[in-house]
């Protein structure tokens, strides 16, 4: 059984992580030295570089544990979404069907609109 930690991709990620953590440690040490010499802004940077190193570890972990989704799962998801879209379309169509009472009232209004208007004043 092949381990995900010893694949060529994983070994490359291990190397990149090692380089990243080393770079962050050197940068943090450099900023601590500058902060001791009187550069007060370097105190912030001395804290920031270890935070970048932690983010690198989180990225390394995510990349190692990221798995490719199987083709069957993608197809099942596509079919599910298509079915949901069709159900939503049918629900919208059913919602737009007119109630018989409302239809009768709208017909009555349409009839009233076509009749000539009576004049209240004899003009």
C-alpha atoms as a PDB file:
ATOM      1  CA  UNK A   1       0.000   0.000   0.000  1.00  0.00           C
ATOM      2  CA  UNK A   2       1.412   3.316  -1.118  1.00  0.00           C
ATOM      3  CA  UNK A   3       1.372   6.111   1.450  1.00  0.00           C
ATOM      4  CA  UNK A   4       0.244   9.576   0.475  1.00  0.00           C
ATOM      5  CA  UNK A   5       3.218  10.964   2.436  1.00  0.00           C
ATOM      6  CA  UNK A   6       5.803   9.299   0.182  1.00  0.00           C
ATOM      7  CA  UNK A   7       4.446   9.994  -3.292  1.00  0.00           C
ATOM      8  CA  UNK A   8       6.584  12.208  -5.553  1.00  0.00           C
ATOM      9  CA  UNK A   9       4.100  15.070  -5.128  1.00  0.00           C
ATOM     10  CA  UNK A  10       4.159  14.714  -1.332  1.00  0.00           C
ATOM     11  CA  UNK A  11       7.964  14.679  -1.198  1.00  0.00           C
ATOM     12  CA  UNK A  12       7.988  17.904  -3.219  1.00  0.00           C
ATOM     13  CA  UNK A  13       5.512  19.417  -0.785  1.00  0.00           C
ATOM     14  CA  UNK A  14       7.662  18.327   2.163  1.00  0.00           C
ATOM     15  CA  UNK A  15      10.679  20.038   0.593  1.00  0.00           C
ATOM     16  CA  UNK A  16       8.709  23.211  -0.105  1.00  0.00           C
ATOM     17  CA  UNK A  17       7.413  23.246   3.475  1.00  0.00           C
ATOM     18  CA  UNK A  18      10.910  22.782   4.886  1.00  0.00           C
ATOM     19  CA  UNK A  19      12.202  25.650   2.737  1.00  0.00           C
ATOM     20  CA  UNK A  20       9.229  27.833   3.736  1.00  0.00           C
ATOM     21  CA  UNK A  21       9.581  27.236   7.487  1.00  0.00           C
ATOM     22  CA  UNK A  22      13.348  27.821   7.310  1.00  0.00           C
ATOM     23  CA  UNK A  23      12.830  31.079   5.415  1.00  0.00           C
ATOM     24  CA  UNK A  24      10.194  32.254   7.888  1.00  0.00           C
ATOM     25  CA  UNK A  25      12.460  31.383  10.846  1.00  0.00           C
ATOM     26  CA  UNK A  26      15.406  33.287   9.337  1.00  0.00           C
ATOM     27  CA  UNK A  27      13.197  36.298   8.580  1.00  0.00           C
ATOM     28  CA  UNK A  28      11.752  36.257  12.105  1.00  0.00           C
ATOM     29  CA  UNK A  29      15.241  36.024  13.649  1.00  0.00           C
ATOM     30  CA  UNK A  30      16.414  38.930  11.468  1.00  0.00           C
ATOM     31  CA  UNK A  31      13.409  41.026  12.558  1.00  0.00           C
ATOM     32  CA  UNK A  32      14.065  40.236  16.234  1.00  0.00           C
ATOM     33  CA  UNK A  33      17.631  41.498  15.755  1.00  0.00           C
ATOM     34  CA  UNK A  34      16.388  44.700  14.145  1.00  0.00           C
ATOM     35  CA  UNK A  35      13.793  45.159  16.894  1.00  0.00           C
ATOM     36  CA  UNK A  36      16.504  44.839  19.578  1.00  0.00           C
ATOM     37  CA  UNK A  37      18.530  47.490  17.723  1.00  0.00           C
ATOM     38  CA  UNK A  38      15.641  49.936  18.103  1.00  0.00           C
ATOM     39  CA  UNK A  39      13.360  49.461  15.114  1.00  0.00           C
ATOM     40  CA  UNK A  40      10.008  49.198  16.896  1.00  0.00           C
ATOM     41  CA  UNK A  41       8.107  48.161  13.763  1.00  0.00           C
ATOM     42  CA  UNK A  42      10.258  45.031  13.588  1.00  0.00           C
ATOM     43  CA  UNK A  43       8.550  43.673  16.712  1.00  0.00           C
ATOM     44  CA  UNK A  44       5.395  43.284  14.614  1.00  0.00           C
ATOM     45  CA  UNK A  45       7.302  41.604  11.804  1.00  0.00           C
ATOM     46  CA  UNK A  46       8.984  39.270  14.296  1.00  0.00           C
ATOM     47  CA  UNK A  47       5.500  38.006  15.201  1.00  0.00           C
ATOM     48  CA  UNK A  48       4.240  38.021  11.617  1.00  0.00           C
ATOM     49  CA  UNK A  49       6.836  35.608  10.189  1.00  0.00           C
ATOM     50  CA  UNK A  50       5.988  32.725  12.532  1.00  0.00           C
ATOM     51  CA  UNK A  51       2.317  33.269  11.636  1.00  0.00           C
ATOM     52  CA  UNK A  52       3.283  32.880   7.965  1.00  0.00           C
ATOM     53  CA  UNK A  53       5.078  29.651   8.852  1.00  0.00           C
ATOM     54  CA  UNK A  54       1.896  28.331  10.523  1.00  0.00           C
ATOM     55  CA  UNK A  55      -0.110  29.232   7.414  1.00  0.00           C
ATOM     56  CA  UNK A  56       2.444  27.304   5.351  1.00  0.00           C
ATOM     57  CA  UNK A  57       1.914  24.226   7.541  1.00  0.00           C
ATOM     58  CA  UNK A  58      -1.856  24.535   7.126  1.00  0.00           C
ATOM     59  CA  UNK A  59      -1.459  24.811   3.353  1.00  0.00           C
ATOM     60  CA  UNK A  60       0.866  21.800   3.318  1.00  0.00           C
ATOM     61  CA  UNK A  61      -1.680  19.767   5.284  1.00  0.00           C
ATOM     62  CA  UNK A  62      -4.532  20.820   2.989  1.00  0.00           C
ATOM     63  CA  UNK A  63      -2.568  19.944  -0.154  1.00  0.00           C
ATOM     64  CA  UNK A  64      -1.618  16.528   1.192  1.00  0.00           C
ATOM     65  CA  UNK A  65      -5.165  15.668   2.165  1.00  0.00           C
ATOM     66  CA  UNK A  66      -6.858  17.079  -0.901  1.00  0.00           C
ATOM     67  CA  UNK A  67      -8.336  14.174  -2.818  1.00  0.00           C
ATOM     68  CA  UNK A  68      -9.598  14.114  -6.369  1.00  0.00           C
ATOM     69  CA  UNK A  69     -13.359  13.700  -6.561  1.00  0.00           C
ATOM     70  CA  UNK A  70     -14.303  10.512  -8.466  1.00  0.00           C
ATOM     71  CA  UNK A  71     -15.981  10.933 -11.861  1.00  0.00           C
ATOM     72  CA  UNK A  72     -19.062   9.014 -10.663  1.00  0.00           C
ATOM     73  CA  UNK A  73     -19.528  11.472  -7.807  1.00  0.00           C
ATOM     74  CA  UNK A  74     -19.278  14.444 -10.176  1.00  0.00           C
ATOM     75  CA  UNK A  75     -21.878  12.871 -12.487  1.00  0.00           C
ATOM     76  CA  UNK A  76     -24.205  12.076  -9.578  1.00  0.00           C
ATOM     77  CA  UNK A  77     -23.926  15.685  -8.385  1.00  0.00           C
ATOM     78  CA  UNK A  78     -24.684  16.997 -11.890  1.00  0.00           C
ATOM     79  CA  UNK A  79     -27.766  14.781 -12.152  1.00  0.00           C
ATOM     80  CA  UNK A  80     -28.936  15.871  -8.701  1.00  0.00           C
ATOM     81  CA  UNK A  81     -28.549  19.561  -9.579  1.00  0.00           C
ATOM     82  CA  UNK A  82     -30.394  19.040 -12.874  1.00  0.00           C
ATOM     83  CA  UNK A  83     -33.225  17.275 -11.047  1.00  0.00           C
ATOM     84  CA  UNK A  84     -33.431  20.113  -8.496  1.00  0.00           C
ATOM     85  CA  UNK A  85     -33.524  22.721 -11.293  1.00  0.00           C
ATOM     86  CA  UNK A  86     -36.365  20.825 -12.999  1.00  0.00           C
ATOM     87  CA  UNK A  87     -38.315  20.543  -9.736  1.00  0.00           C
ATOM     88  CA  UNK A  88     -37.842  24.260  -9.103  1.00  0.00           C
ATOM     89  CA  UNK A  89     -39.031  25.067 -12.639  1.00  0.00           C
ATOM     90  CA  UNK A  90     -42.138  22.918 -12.148  1.00  0.00           C
ATOM     91  CA  UNK A  91     -42.820  24.552  -8.769  1.00  0.00           C
ATOM     92  CA  UNK A  92     -42.570  28.014 -10.340  1.00  0.00           C
ATOM     93  CA  UNK A  93     -44.912  26.969 -13.149  1.00  0.00           C
ATOM     94  CA  UNK A  94     -47.431  25.586 -10.650  1.00  0.00           C
ATOM     95  CA  UNK A  95     -47.227  28.778  -8.594  1.00  0.00           C
ATOM     96  CA  UNK A  96     -48.105  30.857 -11.656  1.00  0.00           C
ATOM     97  CA  UNK A  97     -51.281  28.905 -12.434  1.00  0.00           C
ATOM     98  CA  UNK A  98     -54.256  31.130 -11.806  1.00  0.00           C
ATOM     99  CA  UNK A  99     -56.814  30.347  -9.133  1.00  0.00           C
ATOM    100  CA  UNK A 100     -60.323  29.831 -10.691  1.00  0.00           C
ATOM    101  CA  UNK A 101     -61.835  32.578  -8.506  1.00  0.00           C
ATOM    102  CA  UNK A 102     -59.053  34.982  -9.435  1.00  0.00           C
ATOM    103  CA  UNK A 103     -59.464  34.066 -13.119  1.00  0.00           C
ATOM    104  CA  UNK A 104     -63.218  34.818 -12.943  1.00  0.00           C
ATOM    105  CA  UNK A 105     -62.533  38.163 -11.281  1.00  0.00           C
ATOM    106  CA  UNK A 106     -59.910  39.072 -13.894  1.00  0.00           C
ATOM    107  CA  UNK A 107     -62.356  38.131 -16.685  1.00  0.00           C
ATOM    108  CA  UNK A 108     -64.982  40.384 -15.076  1.00  0.00           C
ATOM    109  CA  UNK A 109     -62.501  43.271 -14.938  1.00  0.00           C
ATOM    110  CA  UNK A 110     -61.572  42.709 -18.579  1.00  0.00           C
ATOM    111  CA  UNK A 111     -65.268  42.820 -19.533  1.00  0.00           C
ATOM    112  CA  UNK A 112     -65.744  46.066 -17.618  1.00  0.00           C
ATOM    113  CA  UNK A 113     -62.735  47.562 -19.337  1.00  0.00           C
ATOM    114  CA  UNK A 114     -64.204  46.924 -22.795  1.00  0.00           C
ATOM    115  CA  UNK A 115     -67.643  48.449 -22.077  1.00  0.00           C
ATOM    116  CA  UNK A 116     -68.167  52.084 -22.987  1.00  0.00           C
ATOM    117  CA  UNK A 117     -67.936  54.474 -20.086  1.00  0.00           C
ATOM    118  CA  UNK A 118     -71.063  56.234 -18.862  1.00  0.00           C
ATOM    119  CA  UNK A 119     -70.831  59.952 -18.631  1.00  0.00           C
ATOM    120  CA  UNK A 120     -71.962  61.403 -15.377  1.00  0.00           C
ATOM    121  CA  UNK A 121     -72.288  64.871 -16.810  1.00  0.00           C
ATOM    122  CA  UNK A 122     -73.874  65.348 -20.132  1.00  0.00           C
ATOM    123  CA  UNK A 123     -70.814  66.661 -21.933  1.00  0.00           C
END
